[in-house]
């Protein structure tokens, strides 16, 4: 519930509670808060049980956490009926990337004959000389 509260924040809350309620009333306030939290939990559990009993036996495995879209999708994708585990396990990313790299670095017959066999994609284009200026494009400026 309070997974994102750090130790400094917790100490700040305790000091603030002591300053607001005082050391005499603080234990009573903590008891009242805990009693309220317990009542809310009991009310929530009884409401969940009432909803499950009203839905009937066909929804006996219904979980309220499934109403969260992430949980619902994760549960559906982990279902073995769809065969997605075999697809996911059969997909080897390193192998696929190696195939793509080989395809990119492979020599094309038309380009290979003009450049001597291999295309150098890291080579920078020649810079134009003083009298060989690039064309001016008015729309690009």
C-alpha atoms as a PDB file:
ATOM      1  CA  UNK A   1       0.000   0.000   0.000  1.00  0.00           C
ATOM      2  CA  UNK A   2       2.758   2.440   0.944  1.00  0.00           C
ATOM      3  CA  UNK A   3       5.560   1.048  -1.198  1.00  0.00           C
ATOM      4  CA  UNK A   4       6.697   4.430  -2.441  1.00  0.00           C
ATOM      5  CA  UNK A   5       7.139   6.129   0.953  1.00  0.00           C
ATOM      6  CA  UNK A   6      10.781   6.483   1.923  1.00  0.00           C
ATOM      7  CA  UNK A   7      12.232   6.574   5.440  1.00  0.00           C
ATOM      8  CA  UNK A   8      12.645  10.355   5.441  1.00  0.00           C
ATOM      9  CA  UNK A   9       9.004  10.826   4.424  1.00  0.00           C
ATOM     10  CA  UNK A  10       7.863   8.400   7.136  1.00  0.00           C
ATOM     11  CA  UNK A  11       9.835  10.257   9.810  1.00  0.00           C
ATOM     12  CA  UNK A  12       8.356  13.542   8.562  1.00  0.00           C
ATOM     13  CA  UNK A  13       4.828  12.117   8.863  1.00  0.00           C
ATOM     14  CA  UNK A  14       5.487  10.867  12.415  1.00  0.00           C
ATOM     15  CA  UNK A  15       6.905  14.238  13.516  1.00  0.00           C
ATOM     16  CA  UNK A  16       3.986  16.053  11.889  1.00  0.00           C
ATOM     17  CA  UNK A  17       1.477  13.733  13.618  1.00  0.00           C
ATOM     18  CA  UNK A  18       3.111  14.345  17.014  1.00  0.00           C
ATOM     19  CA  UNK A  19       2.999  18.107  16.428  1.00  0.00           C
ATOM     20  CA  UNK A  20      -0.634  18.129  15.262  1.00  0.00           C
ATOM     21  CA  UNK A  21      -2.190  15.680  17.735  1.00  0.00           C
ATOM     22  CA  UNK A  22       0.274  15.862  20.599  1.00  0.00           C
ATOM     23  CA  UNK A  23       1.957  12.973  22.356  1.00  0.00           C
ATOM     24  CA  UNK A  24      -1.061  12.414  24.644  1.00  0.00           C
ATOM     25  CA  UNK A  25      -3.730  11.989  21.950  1.00  0.00           C
ATOM     26  CA  UNK A  26      -1.555  10.272  19.303  1.00  0.00           C
ATOM     27  CA  UNK A  27      -2.122   6.635  20.491  1.00  0.00           C
ATOM     28  CA  UNK A  28      -5.902   7.180  20.506  1.00  0.00           C
ATOM     29  CA  UNK A  29      -5.811   8.682  17.010  1.00  0.00           C
ATOM     30  CA  UNK A  30      -3.738   5.739  15.722  1.00  0.00           C
ATOM     31  CA  UNK A  31      -6.241   3.279  17.229  1.00  0.00           C
ATOM     32  CA  UNK A  32      -9.157   5.111  15.621  1.00  0.00           C
ATOM     33  CA  UNK A  33      -7.451   5.180  12.228  1.00  0.00           C
ATOM     34  CA  UNK A  34      -6.625   1.452  12.410  1.00  0.00           C
ATOM     35  CA  UNK A  35     -10.186   0.620  13.448  1.00  0.00           C
ATOM     36  CA  UNK A  36     -11.518   2.615  10.493  1.00  0.00           C
ATOM     37  CA  UNK A  37      -9.135   0.873   8.081  1.00  0.00           C
ATOM     38  CA  UNK A  38     -10.243  -2.550   9.411  1.00  0.00           C
ATOM     39  CA  UNK A  39     -13.921  -1.630   8.982  1.00  0.00           C
ATOM     40  CA  UNK A  40     -13.315  -0.460   5.415  1.00  0.00           C
ATOM     41  CA  UNK A  41     -11.496  -3.733   4.612  1.00  0.00           C
ATOM     42  CA  UNK A  42     -14.311  -5.799   6.125  1.00  0.00           C
ATOM     43  CA  UNK A  43     -16.898  -3.826   4.176  1.00  0.00           C
ATOM     44  CA  UNK A  44     -14.911  -4.297   0.966  1.00  0.00           C
ATOM     45  CA  UNK A  45     -14.544  -8.060   1.502  1.00  0.00           C
ATOM     46  CA  UNK A  46     -18.241  -8.481   2.282  1.00  0.00           C
ATOM     47  CA  UNK A  47     -19.174  -6.489  -0.833  1.00  0.00           C
ATOM     48  CA  UNK A  48     -16.891  -8.692  -2.957  1.00  0.00           C
ATOM     49  CA  UNK A  49     -18.441 -11.855  -1.505  1.00  0.00           C
ATOM     50  CA  UNK A  50     -21.956 -10.506  -2.135  1.00  0.00           C
ATOM     51  CA  UNK A  51     -21.092  -9.748  -5.758  1.00  0.00           C
ATOM     52  CA  UNK A  52     -19.544 -13.216  -6.240  1.00  0.00           C
ATOM     53  CA  UNK A  53     -22.609 -14.917  -4.742  1.00  0.00           C
ATOM     54  CA  UNK A  54     -24.951 -12.858  -6.945  1.00  0.00           C
ATOM     55  CA  UNK A  55     -22.981 -13.658 -10.116  1.00  0.00           C
ATOM     56  CA  UNK A  56     -23.502 -17.372  -9.616  1.00  0.00           C
ATOM     57  CA  UNK A  57     -21.366 -20.493  -9.927  1.00  0.00           C
ATOM     58  CA  UNK A  58     -20.225 -19.793 -13.509  1.00  0.00           C
ATOM     59  CA  UNK A  59     -18.166 -16.849 -12.191  1.00  0.00           C
ATOM     60  CA  UNK A  60     -16.584 -18.721  -9.273  1.00  0.00           C
ATOM     61  CA  UNK A  61     -13.042 -17.941 -10.499  1.00  0.00           C
ATOM     62  CA  UNK A  62     -13.790 -14.237 -11.071  1.00  0.00           C
ATOM     63  CA  UNK A  63     -11.202 -11.942  -9.515  1.00  0.00           C
ATOM     64  CA  UNK A  64     -11.687  -8.204  -9.144  1.00  0.00           C
ATOM     65  CA  UNK A  65      -8.029  -7.666 -10.030  1.00  0.00           C
ATOM     66  CA  UNK A  66      -8.967  -8.878 -13.549  1.00  0.00           C
ATOM     67  CA  UNK A  67     -10.865  -5.628 -14.036  1.00  0.00           C
ATOM     68  CA  UNK A  68      -7.498  -3.876 -14.332  1.00  0.00           C
ATOM     69  CA  UNK A  69      -6.763  -3.842 -18.103  1.00  0.00           C
ATOM     70  CA  UNK A  70      -3.083  -4.756 -17.687  1.00  0.00           C
ATOM     71  CA  UNK A  71      -3.905  -7.743 -15.499  1.00  0.00           C
ATOM     72  CA  UNK A  72      -6.677  -8.875 -17.820  1.00  0.00           C
ATOM     73  CA  UNK A  73      -4.467  -8.734 -20.922  1.00  0.00           C
ATOM     74  CA  UNK A  74      -1.572 -10.450 -19.153  1.00  0.00           C
ATOM     75  CA  UNK A  75      -3.881 -13.246 -18.005  1.00  0.00           C
ATOM     76  CA  UNK A  76      -5.318 -13.683 -21.511  1.00  0.00           C
ATOM     77  CA  UNK A  77      -1.886 -13.736 -23.154  1.00  0.00           C
ATOM     78  CA  UNK A  78      -0.584 -16.324 -20.685  1.00  0.00           C
ATOM     79  CA  UNK A  79      -3.490 -18.587 -21.621  1.00  0.00           C
ATOM     80  CA  UNK A  80      -2.152 -21.802 -23.225  1.00  0.00           C
ATOM     81  CA  UNK A  81      -5.220 -22.243 -25.453  1.00  0.00           C
ATOM     82  CA  UNK A  82      -4.039 -19.598 -27.907  1.00  0.00           C
ATOM     83  CA  UNK A  83      -0.586 -21.114 -28.408  1.00  0.00           C
ATOM     84  CA  UNK A  84       1.148 -17.775 -27.845  1.00  0.00           C
ATOM     85  CA  UNK A  85       3.832 -19.289 -25.626  1.00  0.00           C
ATOM     86  CA  UNK A  86       5.093 -21.405 -28.514  1.00  0.00           C
ATOM     87  CA  UNK A  87       5.176 -18.354 -30.762  1.00  0.00           C
ATOM     88  CA  UNK A  88       6.959 -16.272 -28.143  1.00  0.00           C
ATOM     89  CA  UNK A  89       9.474 -19.037 -27.363  1.00  0.00           C
ATOM     90  CA  UNK A  90      10.034 -19.695 -31.082  1.00  0.00           C
ATOM     91  CA  UNK A  91      10.951 -16.088 -31.759  1.00  0.00           C
ATOM     92  CA  UNK A  92      14.676 -15.560 -31.373  1.00  0.00           C
ATOM     93  CA  UNK A  93      15.434 -11.846 -31.502  1.00  0.00           C
ATOM     94  CA  UNK A  94      19.187 -12.276 -31.924  1.00  0.00           C
ATOM     95  CA  UNK A  95      18.682 -14.621 -34.853  1.00  0.00           C
ATOM     96  CA  UNK A  96      16.196 -12.270 -36.493  1.00  0.00           C
ATOM     97  CA  UNK A  97      18.516  -9.281 -36.046  1.00  0.00           C
ATOM     98  CA  UNK A  98      21.431 -11.269 -37.495  1.00  0.00           C
ATOM     99  CA  UNK A  99      19.321 -12.097 -40.555  1.00  0.00           C
ATOM    100  CA  UNK A 100      18.365  -8.437 -41.007  1.00  0.00           C
ATOM    101  CA  UNK A 101      22.003  -7.373 -40.630  1.00  0.00           C
ATOM    102  CA  UNK A 102      23.090  -9.951 -43.188  1.00  0.00           C
ATOM    103  CA  UNK A 103      20.378  -8.759 -45.568  1.00  0.00           C
ATOM    104  CA  UNK A 104      21.498  -5.136 -45.190  1.00  0.00           C
ATOM    105  CA  UNK A 105      25.179  -5.961 -45.687  1.00  0.00           C
ATOM    106  CA  UNK A 106      24.611  -8.380 -48.557  1.00  0.00           C
ATOM    107  CA  UNK A 107      25.857  -7.247 -51.973  1.00  0.00           C
ATOM    108  CA  UNK A 108      23.440  -6.311 -54.688  1.00  0.00           C
ATOM    109  CA  UNK A 109      24.589  -7.414 -58.174  1.00  0.00           C
ATOM    110  CA  UNK A 110      23.927  -4.064 -59.833  1.00  0.00           C
ATOM    111  CA  UNK A 111      25.573  -2.006 -57.074  1.00  0.00           C
ATOM    112  CA  UNK A 112      28.391  -4.500 -56.610  1.00  0.00           C
ATOM    113  CA  UNK A 113      29.560  -4.282 -60.184  1.00  0.00           C
ATOM    114  CA  UNK A 114      29.843  -0.491 -60.085  1.00  0.00           C
ATOM    115  CA  UNK A 115      31.522  -0.147 -56.667  1.00  0.00           C
ATOM    116  CA  UNK A 116      33.843  -3.100 -56.708  1.00  0.00           C
ATOM    117  CA  UNK A 117      31.893  -5.607 -54.621  1.00  0.00           C
ATOM    118  CA  UNK A 118      30.840  -3.986 -51.365  1.00  0.00           C
ATOM    119  CA  UNK A 119      28.891  -0.850 -50.548  1.00  0.00           C
ATOM    120  CA  UNK A 120      30.491   1.354 -47.915  1.00  0.00           C
ATOM    121  CA  UNK A 121      27.597   2.935 -46.050  1.00  0.00           C
ATOM    122  CA  UNK A 122      29.866   4.687 -43.542  1.00  0.00           C
ATOM    123  CA  UNK A 123      31.703   6.713 -46.193  1.00  0.00           C
ATOM    124  CA  UNK A 124      30.747  10.364 -46.208  1.00  0.00           C
ATOM    125  CA  UNK A 125      29.759  11.882 -49.532  1.00  0.00           C
ATOM    126  CA  UNK A 126      32.361  14.011 -51.263  1.00  0.00           C
ATOM    127  CA  UNK A 127      32.096  17.674 -50.396  1.00  0.00           C
ATOM    128  CA  UNK A 128      31.468  19.906 -53.387  1.00  0.00           C
ATOM    129  CA  UNK A 129      34.320  22.088 -54.633  1.00  0.00           C
ATOM    130  CA  UNK A 130      34.166  25.846 -54.850  1.00  0.00           C
ATOM    131  CA  UNK A 131      32.818  25.864 -58.399  1.00  0.00           C
ATOM    132  CA  UNK A 132      30.687  22.740 -57.879  1.00  0.00           C
ATOM    133  CA  UNK A 133      27.976  24.042 -55.559  1.00  0.00           C
ATOM    134  CA  UNK A 134      24.940  21.995 -54.569  1.00  0.00           C
ATOM    135  CA  UNK A 135      21.689  23.040 -56.219  1.00  0.00           C
ATOM    136  CA  UNK A 136      19.739  25.767 -54.458  1.00  0.00           C
ATOM    137  CA  UNK A 137      16.276  24.754 -53.314  1.00  0.00           C
ATOM    138  CA  UNK A 138      14.110  27.765 -52.460  1.00  0.00           C
ATOM    139  CA  UNK A 139      11.412  25.615 -50.884  1.00  0.00           C
ATOM    140  CA  UNK A 140      13.827  24.019 -48.402  1.00  0.00           C
ATOM    141  CA  UNK A 141      15.010  27.326 -46.912  1.00  0.00           C
END
